[in-house]
């Protein structure tokens, strides 16, 4: 998430990362909170065509829970 290329992509998409936290019990699990235009991140993570790109960044889909919130 902190890689320069990902930060550049997020900036282009208007996405900000508010929080990245790693589990104390399982270092393979993390919580990430984004803010950006509605459905931008959701569409990327749910689109089967972009799944290989997301996985190449190190994301593990098994156990992933995606929720959407608005203010």
Protein backbone atom coordinates (compact mmCIF):
# COMPACT_ATOMS: atom_id res chain seq x y z
CA UNK A 1 0.00 0.00 0.00
CA UNK A 2 2.87 2.35 0.65
CA UNK A 3 4.75 1.60 -2.58
CA UNK A 4 5.41 4.69 -4.68
CA UNK A 5 3.52 3.30 -7.70
CA UNK A 6 0.45 2.50 -5.60
CA UNK A 7 0.52 5.91 -3.93
CA UNK A 8 0.70 7.51 -7.37
CA UNK A 9 -2.25 5.41 -8.59
CA UNK A 10 -4.31 6.29 -5.50
CA UNK A 11 -3.56 9.99 -6.01
CA UNK A 12 -4.76 9.80 -9.63
CA UNK A 13 -7.96 8.06 -8.49
CA UNK A 14 -8.55 10.58 -5.70
CA UNK A 15 -8.12 7.92 -3.00
CA UNK A 16 -6.55 8.60 0.40
CA UNK A 17 -5.41 5.97 2.88
CA UNK A 18 -6.49 6.85 6.41
CA UNK A 19 -5.31 3.80 8.26
CA UNK A 20 -3.22 0.66 7.77
CA UNK A 21 -3.02 -1.70 10.72
CA UNK A 22 -1.45 -5.15 11.00
CA UNK A 23 -2.96 -7.89 13.17
CA UNK A 24 -1.01 -8.78 16.31
CA UNK A 25 -2.18 -12.40 16.01
CA UNK A 26 -1.59 -12.89 12.29
CA UNK A 27 0.93 -10.66 10.46
CA UNK A 28 -0.64 -11.74 7.14
CA UNK A 29 -3.86 -9.90 8.07
CA UNK A 30 -4.36 -6.15 7.93
CA UNK A 31 -7.04 -3.51 8.10
CA UNK A 32 -6.94 -0.68 5.59
CA UNK A 33 -9.30 2.29 5.54
CA UNK A 34 -9.55 4.32 2.33
CA UNK A 35 -11.46 7.46 1.44
CA UNK A 36 -12.25 8.38 -2.13
CA UNK A 37 -14.90 8.67 -4.80
CA UNK A 38 -17.79 6.28 -4.28
CA UNK A 39 -17.11 2.70 -5.41
CA UNK A 40 -13.63 3.34 -6.86
CA UNK A 41 -11.79 0.93 -4.54
CA UNK A 42 -14.76 -1.43 -4.33
CA UNK A 43 -14.88 -1.79 -8.11
CA UNK A 44 -11.15 -2.51 -8.29
CA UNK A 45 -11.31 -5.24 -5.64
CA UNK A 46 -14.51 -6.83 -6.95
CA UNK A 47 -13.61 -6.82 -10.67
CA UNK A 48 -12.32 -10.24 -11.76
CA UNK A 49 -10.20 -8.58 -14.46
CA UNK A 50 -8.23 -6.54 -11.92
CA UNK A 51 -7.90 -9.39 -9.40
CA UNK A 52 -4.49 -10.55 -10.79
CA UNK A 53 -3.16 -6.99 -10.56
CA UNK A 54 -4.35 -6.62 -6.97
CA UNK A 55 -2.86 -10.00 -6.03
CA UNK A 56 0.45 -9.04 -7.66
CA UNK A 57 0.71 -6.20 -5.15
CA UNK A 58 0.66 -8.79 -2.34
CA UNK A 59 -3.05 -8.67 -1.50
CA UNK A 60 -4.52 -12.00 -0.39
CA UNK A 61 -8.20 -12.32 -1.27
CA UNK A 62 -8.89 -15.24 1.10
CA UNK A 63 -10.53 -13.78 4.18
CA UNK A 64 -10.91 -10.30 2.66
CA UNK A 65 -13.94 -8.39 3.90
CA UNK A 66 -14.85 -5.28 1.95
CA UNK A 67 -17.38 -2.82 3.35
CA UNK A 68 -18.46 0.57 2.05
CA UNK A 69 -19.40 3.57 4.17
CA UNK A 70 -20.55 7.11 3.43
CA UNK A 71 -20.58 10.23 5.55
